Amino acid sequence: MDLPKAERSVYLADGTSSSFNRFSRFSFALPAAAIPAIHTSMSIIIIIIITVFLVTQVTASLVSRT
């Protein structure tokens, strides 16, 4: 697993956010190693947005079917 230094630091410092490291690569401009809390919360927000989007799409398709 070949991660950049910033992502490797977050991976080691906060094991819970390890699965989101590739997911939140856009936030590389932030000092991710210095502020893993912000890095993690941004990843969680992204996942919540995607989940809401998917639920909305599924609901819309089910409603249009009936």
PDB file of N, CA and C in Angstrom:
ATOM      1  N   MET A   1       0.857  -1.183   0.000  1.00  0.00           N
ATOM      2  CA  MET A   1       0.000   0.000   0.000  1.00  0.00           C
ATOM      3  C   MET A   1       0.891   1.231   0.000  1.00  0.00           C
ATOM      4  N   ASP A   2       0.893   1.962  -1.093  1.00  0.00           N
ATOM      5  CA  ASP A   2       1.810   3.089  -1.248  1.00  0.00           C
ATOM      6  C   ASP A   2       1.030   4.384  -1.151  1.00  0.00           C
ATOM      7  N   LEU A   3       0.955   4.935   0.067  1.00  0.00           N
ATOM      8  CA  LEU A   3       0.220   6.179   0.275  1.00  0.00           C
ATOM      9  C   LEU A   3       1.191   7.352   0.335  1.00  0.00           C
ATOM     10  N   PRO A   4       0.733   8.540  -0.070  1.00  0.00           N
ATOM     11  CA  PRO A   4       1.546   9.741   0.157  1.00  0.00           C
ATOM     12  C   PRO A   4       1.762   9.960   1.654  1.00  0.00           C
ATOM     13  N   LYS A   5       2.748  10.802   1.990  1.00  0.00           N
ATOM     14  CA  LYS A   5       3.098  10.976   3.400  1.00  0.00           C
ATOM     15  C   LYS A   5       1.922  11.467   4.231  1.00  0.00           C
ATOM     16  N   ALA A   6       1.184  12.457   3.732  1.00  0.00           N
ATOM     17  CA  ALA A   6       0.075  13.012   4.514  1.00  0.00           C
ATOM     18  C   ALA A   6      -0.981  11.947   4.773  1.00  0.00           C
ATOM     19  N   GLU A   7      -1.330  11.174   3.748  1.00  0.00           N
ATOM     20  CA  GLU A   7      -2.357  10.157   3.931  1.00  0.00           C
ATOM     21  C   GLU A   7      -1.858   9.021   4.814  1.00  0.00           C
ATOM     22  N   ARG A   8      -0.569   8.694   4.707  1.00  0.00           N
ATOM     23  CA  ARG A   8      -0.034   7.645   5.561  1.00  0.00           C
ATOM     24  C   ARG A   8      -0.116   8.078   7.022  1.00  0.00           C
ATOM     25  N   SER A   9       0.145   9.367   7.294  1.00  0.00           N
ATOM     26  CA  SER A   9       0.079   9.859   8.663  1.00  0.00           C
ATOM     27  C   SER A   9      -1.341   9.751   9.205  1.00  0.00           C
ATOM     28  N   VAL A  10      -2.322  10.127   8.388  1.00  0.00           N
ATOM     29  CA  VAL A  10      -3.708  10.031   8.832  1.00  0.00           C
ATOM     30  C   VAL A  10      -4.076   8.574   9.064  1.00  0.00           C
ATOM     31  N   TYR A  11      -3.602   7.702   8.194  1.00  0.00           N
ATOM     32  CA  TYR A  11      -3.892   6.269   8.311  1.00  0.00           C
ATOM     33  C   TYR A  11      -3.370   5.725   9.632  1.00  0.00           C
ATOM     34  N   LEU A  12      -2.167   6.160  10.019  1.00  0.00           N
ATOM     35  CA  LEU A  12      -1.590   5.655  11.255  1.00  0.00           C
ATOM     36  C   LEU A  12      -2.209   6.321  12.473  1.00  0.00           C
ATOM     37  N   ALA A  13      -2.519   7.622  12.367  1.00  0.00           N
ATOM     38  CA  ALA A  13      -2.994   8.364  13.532  1.00  0.00           C
ATOM     39  C   ALA A  13      -4.444   8.040  13.848  1.00  0.00           C
ATOM     40  N   ASP A  14      -5.239   7.730  12.817  1.00  0.00           N
ATOM     41  CA  ASP A  14      -6.666   7.537  13.033  1.00  0.00           C
ATOM     42  C   ASP A  14      -7.131   6.336  12.223  1.00  0.00           C
ATOM     43  N   GLY A  15      -7.127   5.176  12.847  1.00  0.00           N
ATOM     44  CA  GLY A  15      -7.461   3.959  12.123  1.00  0.00           C
ATOM     45  C   GLY A  15      -8.880   3.935  11.580  1.00  0.00           C
ATOM     46  N   THR A  16      -9.776   4.699  12.230  1.00  0.00           N
ATOM     47  CA  THR A  16     -11.169   4.657  11.802  1.00  0.00           C
ATOM     48  C   THR A  16     -11.351   5.291  10.434  1.00  0.00           C
ATOM     49  N   SER A  17     -10.473   6.233  10.070  1.00  0.00           N
ATOM     50  CA  SER A  17     -10.646   6.923   8.792  1.00  0.00           C
ATOM     51  C   SER A  17      -9.810   6.288   7.688  1.00  0.00           C
ATOM     52  N   SER A  18      -9.189   5.128   7.982  1.00  0.00           N
ATOM     53  CA  SER A  18      -8.258   4.555   7.014  1.00  0.00           C
ATOM     54  C   SER A  18      -8.946   4.204   5.705  1.00  0.00           C
ATOM     55  N   SER A  19     -10.206   3.752   5.775  1.00  0.00           N
ATOM     56  CA  SER A  19     -10.888   3.339   4.551  1.00  0.00           C
ATOM     57  C   SER A  19     -11.316   4.526   3.711  1.00  0.00           C
ATOM     58  N   PHE A  20     -11.263   5.736   4.282  1.00  0.00           N
ATOM     59  CA  PHE A  20     -11.693   6.921   3.547  1.00  0.00           C
ATOM     60  C   PHE A  20     -10.521   7.699   2.967  1.00  0.00           C
ATOM     61  N   ASN A  21      -9.287   7.194   3.140  1.00  0.00           N
ATOM     62  CA  ASN A  21      -8.137   7.983   2.707  1.00  0.00           C
ATOM     63  C   ASN A  21      -8.141   8.229   1.205  1.00  0.00           C
ATOM     64  N   ARG A  22      -8.347   7.173   0.422  1.00  0.00           N
ATOM     65  CA  ARG A  22      -8.408   7.361  -1.030  1.00  0.00           C
ATOM     66  C   ARG A  22      -9.611   8.201  -1.406  1.00  0.00           C
ATOM     67  N   PHE A  23     -10.669   8.080  -0.594  1.00  0.00           N
ATOM     68  CA  PHE A  23     -11.937   8.735  -0.894  1.00  0.00           C
ATOM     69  C   PHE A  23     -11.818  10.250  -0.809  1.00  0.00           C
ATOM     70  N   SER A  24     -10.986  10.743   0.085  1.00  0.00           N
ATOM     71  CA  SER A  24     -10.930  12.186   0.330  1.00  0.00           C
ATOM     72  C   SER A  24      -9.613  12.768  -0.153  1.00  0.00           C
ATOM     73  N   ARG A  25      -9.131  12.282  -1.277  1.00  0.00           N
ATOM     74  CA  ARG A  25      -7.850  12.753  -1.788  1.00  0.00           C
ATOM     75  C   ARG A  25      -7.902  14.222  -2.188  1.00  0.00           C
ATOM     76  N   PHE A  26      -9.109  14.744  -2.518  1.00  0.00           N
ATOM     77  CA  PHE A  26      -9.220  16.132  -2.946  1.00  0.00           C
ATOM     78  C   PHE A  26      -8.765  17.087  -1.854  1.00  0.00           C
ATOM     79  N   SER A  27      -8.754  16.647  -0.596  1.00  0.00           N
ATOM     80  CA  SER A  27      -8.411  17.546   0.505  1.00  0.00           C
ATOM     81  C   SER A  27      -6.905  17.544   0.779  1.00  0.00           C
ATOM     82  N   PHE A  28      -6.114  17.182  -0.235  1.00  0.00           N
ATOM     83  CA  PHE A  28      -4.664  17.094  -0.037  1.00  0.00           C
ATOM     84  C   PHE A  28      -4.055  18.449   0.296  1.00  0.00           C
ATOM     85  N   ALA A  29      -4.747  19.558  -0.032  1.00  0.00           N
ATOM     86  CA  ALA A  29      -4.204  20.887   0.229  1.00  0.00           C
ATOM     87  C   ALA A  29      -4.154  21.180   1.726  1.00  0.00           C
ATOM     88  N   LEU A  30      -5.019  20.523   2.497  1.00  0.00           N
ATOM     89  CA  LEU A  30      -4.991  20.710   3.941  1.00  0.00           C
ATOM     90  C   LEU A  30      -3.839  19.910   4.540  1.00  0.00           C
ATOM     91  N   PRO A  31      -3.247  20.392   5.622  1.00  0.00           N
ATOM     92  CA  PRO A  31      -2.242  19.585   6.337  1.00  0.00           C
ATOM     93  C   PRO A  31      -2.939  18.435   7.055  1.00  0.00           C
ATOM     94  N   ALA A  32      -3.233  17.386   6.305  1.00  0.00           N
ATOM     95  CA  ALA A  32      -4.078  16.310   6.822  1.00  0.00           C
ATOM     96  C   ALA A  32      -3.463  15.648   8.056  1.00  0.00           C
ATOM     97  N   ALA A  33      -2.150  15.551   8.086  1.00  0.00           N
ATOM     98  CA  ALA A  33      -1.508  14.898   9.226  1.00  0.00           C
ATOM     99  C   ALA A  33      -1.651  15.740  10.492  1.00  0.00           C
ATOM    100  N   ALA A  34      -1.705  17.081  10.319  1.00  0.00           N
ATOM    101  CA  ALA A  34      -1.792  17.962  11.477  1.00  0.00           C
ATOM    102  C   ALA A  34      -3.214  18.041  12.014  1.00  0.00           C
ATOM    103  N   ILE A  35      -4.209  17.896  11.129  1.00  0.00           N
ATOM    104  CA  ILE A  35      -5.596  18.025  11.573  1.00  0.00           C
ATOM    105  C   ILE A  35      -6.420  16.843  11.077  1.00  0.00           C
ATOM    106  N   PRO A  36      -6.182  15.635  11.598  1.00  0.00           N
ATOM    107  CA  PRO A  36      -6.928  14.461  11.134  1.00  0.00           C
ATOM    108  C   PRO A  36      -8.419  14.553  11.431  1.00  0.00           C
ATOM    109  N   ALA A  37      -8.809  15.340  12.446  1.00  0.00           N
ATOM    110  CA  ALA A  37     -10.236  15.442  12.774  1.00  0.00           C
ATOM    111  C   ALA A  37     -11.005  16.083  11.633  1.00  0.00           C
ATOM    112  N   ILE A  38     -10.463  17.168  11.068  1.00  0.00           N
ATOM    113  CA  ILE A  38     -11.132  17.830   9.944  1.00  0.00           C
ATOM    114  C   ILE A  38     -11.135  16.901   8.740  1.00  0.00           C
ATOM    115  N   HIS A  39     -10.031  16.213   8.506  1.00  0.00           N
ATOM    116  CA  HIS A  39      -9.919  15.281   7.381  1.00  0.00           C
ATOM    117  C   HIS A  39     -10.998  14.201   7.492  1.00  0.00           C
ATOM    118  N   THR A  40     -11.165  13.659   8.683  1.00  0.00           N
ATOM    119  CA  THR A  40     -12.145  12.596   8.896  1.00  0.00           C
ATOM    120  C   THR A  40     -13.561  13.121   8.745  1.00  0.00           C
ATOM    121  N   SER A  41     -13.839  14.305   9.316  1.00  0.00           N
ATOM    122  CA  SER A  41     -15.201  14.830   9.238  1.00  0.00           C
ATOM    123  C   SER A  41     -15.571  15.158   7.800  1.00  0.00           C
ATOM    124  N   MET A  42     -14.612  15.622   7.008  1.00  0.00           N
ATOM    125  CA  MET A  42     -14.892  15.896   5.599  1.00  0.00           C
ATOM    126  C   MET A  42     -15.249  14.597   4.881  1.00  0.00           C
ATOM    127  N   SER A  43     -14.533  13.533   5.178  1.00  0.00           N
ATOM    128  CA  SER A  43     -14.833  12.245   4.550  1.00  0.00           C
ATOM    129  C   SER A  43     -16.231  11.771   4.930  1.00  0.00           C
ATOM    130  N   ILE A  44     -16.582  11.938   6.206  1.00  0.00           N
ATOM    131  CA  ILE A  44     -17.902  11.500   6.664  1.00  0.00           C
ATOM    132  C   ILE A  44     -18.990  12.316   5.982  1.00  0.00           C
ATOM    133  N   ILE A  45     -18.767  13.636   5.837  1.00  0.00           N
ATOM    134  CA  ILE A  45     -19.757  14.488   5.173  1.00  0.00           C
ATOM    135  C   ILE A  45     -19.952  14.043   3.731  1.00  0.00           C
ATOM    136  N   ILE A  46     -18.863  13.724   3.041  1.00  0.00           N
ATOM    137  CA  ILE A  46     -18.966  13.272   1.646  1.00  0.00           C
ATOM    138  C   ILE A  46     -19.796  11.993   1.568  1.00  0.00           C
ATOM    139  N   ILE A  47     -19.549  11.053   2.471  1.00  0.00           N
ATOM    140  CA  ILE A  47     -20.283   9.789   2.441  1.00  0.00           C
ATOM    141  C   ILE A  47     -21.760  10.017   2.730  1.00  0.00           C
ATOM    142  N   ILE A  48     -22.063  10.942   3.660  1.00  0.00           N
ATOM    143  CA  ILE A  48     -23.468  11.245   3.954  1.00  0.00           C
ATOM    144  C   ILE A  48     -24.146  11.833   2.723  1.00  0.00           C
ATOM    145  N   ILE A  49     -23.459  12.748   2.026  1.00  0.00           N
ATOM    146  CA  ILE A  49     -24.042  13.363   0.828  1.00  0.00           C
ATOM    147  C   ILE A  49     -24.320  12.297  -0.229  1.00  0.00           C
ATOM    148  N   ILE A  50     -23.362  11.401  -0.446  1.00  0.00           N
ATOM    149  CA  ILE A  50     -23.554  10.353  -1.457  1.00  0.00           C
ATOM    150  C   ILE A  50     -24.701   9.425  -1.054  1.00  0.00           C
ATOM    151  N   THR A  51     -24.790   9.096   0.227  1.00  0.00           N
ATOM    152  CA  THR A  51     -25.870   8.229   0.689  1.00  0.00           C
ATOM    153  C   THR A  51     -27.223   8.880   0.462  1.00  0.00           C
ATOM    154  N   VAL A  52     -27.339  10.166   0.811  1.00  0.00           N
ATOM    155  CA  VAL A  52     -28.601  10.881   0.603  1.00  0.00           C
ATOM    156  C   VAL A  52     -28.944  10.911  -0.880  1.00  0.00           C
ATOM    157  N   PHE A  53     -27.938  11.139  -1.715  1.00  0.00           N
ATOM    158  CA  PHE A  53     -28.174  11.175  -3.164  1.00  0.00           C
ATOM    159  C   PHE A  53     -28.698   9.830  -3.665  1.00  0.00           C
ATOM    160  N   LEU A  54     -28.069   8.743  -3.225  1.00  0.00           N
ATOM    161  CA  LEU A  54     -28.500   7.416  -3.676  1.00  0.00           C
ATOM    162  C   LEU A  54     -29.908   7.096  -3.188  1.00  0.00           C
ATOM    163  N   VAL A  55     -30.205   7.418  -1.937  1.00  0.00           N
ATOM    164  CA  VAL A  55     -31.545   7.163  -1.403  1.00  0.00           C
ATOM    165  C   VAL A  55     -32.576   7.964  -2.188  1.00  0.00           C
ATOM    166  N   THR A  56     -32.244   9.212  -2.525  1.00  0.00           N
ATOM    167  CA  THR A  56     -33.165  10.040  -3.305  1.00  0.00           C
ATOM    168  C   THR A  56     -33.419   9.426  -4.671  1.00  0.00           C
ATOM    169  N   GLN A  57     -32.369   8.942  -5.314  1.00  0.00           N
ATOM    170  CA  GLN A  57     -32.525   8.338  -6.638  1.00  0.00           C
ATOM    171  C   GLN A  57     -33.386   7.082  -6.575  1.00  0.00           C
ATOM    172  N   VAL A  58     -33.140   6.230  -5.593  1.00  0.00           N
ATOM    173  CA  VAL A  58     -33.916   4.991  -5.463  1.00  0.00           C
ATOM    174  C   VAL A  58     -35.375   5.320  -5.184  1.00  0.00           C
ATOM    175  N   THR A  59     -35.615   6.277  -4.297  1.00  0.00           N
ATOM    176  CA  THR A  59     -36.991   6.659  -3.977  1.00  0.00           C
ATOM    177  C   THR A  59     -37.693   7.212  -5.206  1.00  0.00           C
ATOM    178  N   ALA A  60     -37.014   8.052  -5.967  1.00  0.00           N
ATOM    179  CA  ALA A  60     -37.621   8.633  -7.164  1.00  0.00           C
ATOM    180  C   ALA A  60     -37.963   7.546  -8.183  1.00  0.00           C
ATOM    181  N   SER A  61     -37.077   6.573  -8.340  1.00  0.00           N
ATOM    182  CA  SER A  61     -37.349   5.517  -9.322  1.00  0.00           C
ATOM    183  C   SER A  61     -38.505   4.628  -8.861  1.00  0.00           C
ATOM    184  N   LEU A  62     -38.609   4.382  -7.558  1.00  0.00           N
ATOM    185  CA  LEU A  62     -39.723   3.578  -7.054  1.00  0.00           C
ATOM    186  C   LEU A  62     -41.044   4.322  -7.206  1.00  0.00           C
ATOM    187  N   VAL A  63     -41.035   5.624  -6.935  1.00  0.00           N
ATOM    188  CA  VAL A  63     -42.262   6.411  -7.050  1.00  0.00           C
ATOM    189  C   VAL A  63     -42.707   6.485  -8.502  1.00  0.00           C
ATOM    190  N   SER A  64     -41.767   6.639  -9.416  1.00  0.00           N
ATOM    191  CA  SER A  64     -42.140   6.763 -10.828  1.00  0.00           C
ATOM    192  C   SER A  64     -42.644   5.432 -11.388  1.00  0.00           C
ATOM    193  N   ARG A  65     -42.276   4.319 -10.757  1.00  0.00           N
ATOM    194  CA  ARG A  65     -42.714   3.012 -11.240  1.00  0.00           C
ATOM    195  C   ARG A  65     -44.190   2.763 -10.963  1.00  0.00           C
ATOM    196  N   THR A  66     -44.671   3.246  -9.831  1.00  0.00           N
ATOM    197  CA  THR A  66     -46.060   2.961  -9.445  1.00  0.00           C
ATOM    198  C   THR A  66     -47.031   3.787 -10.269  1.00  0.00           C
TER     199      THR A  66
END
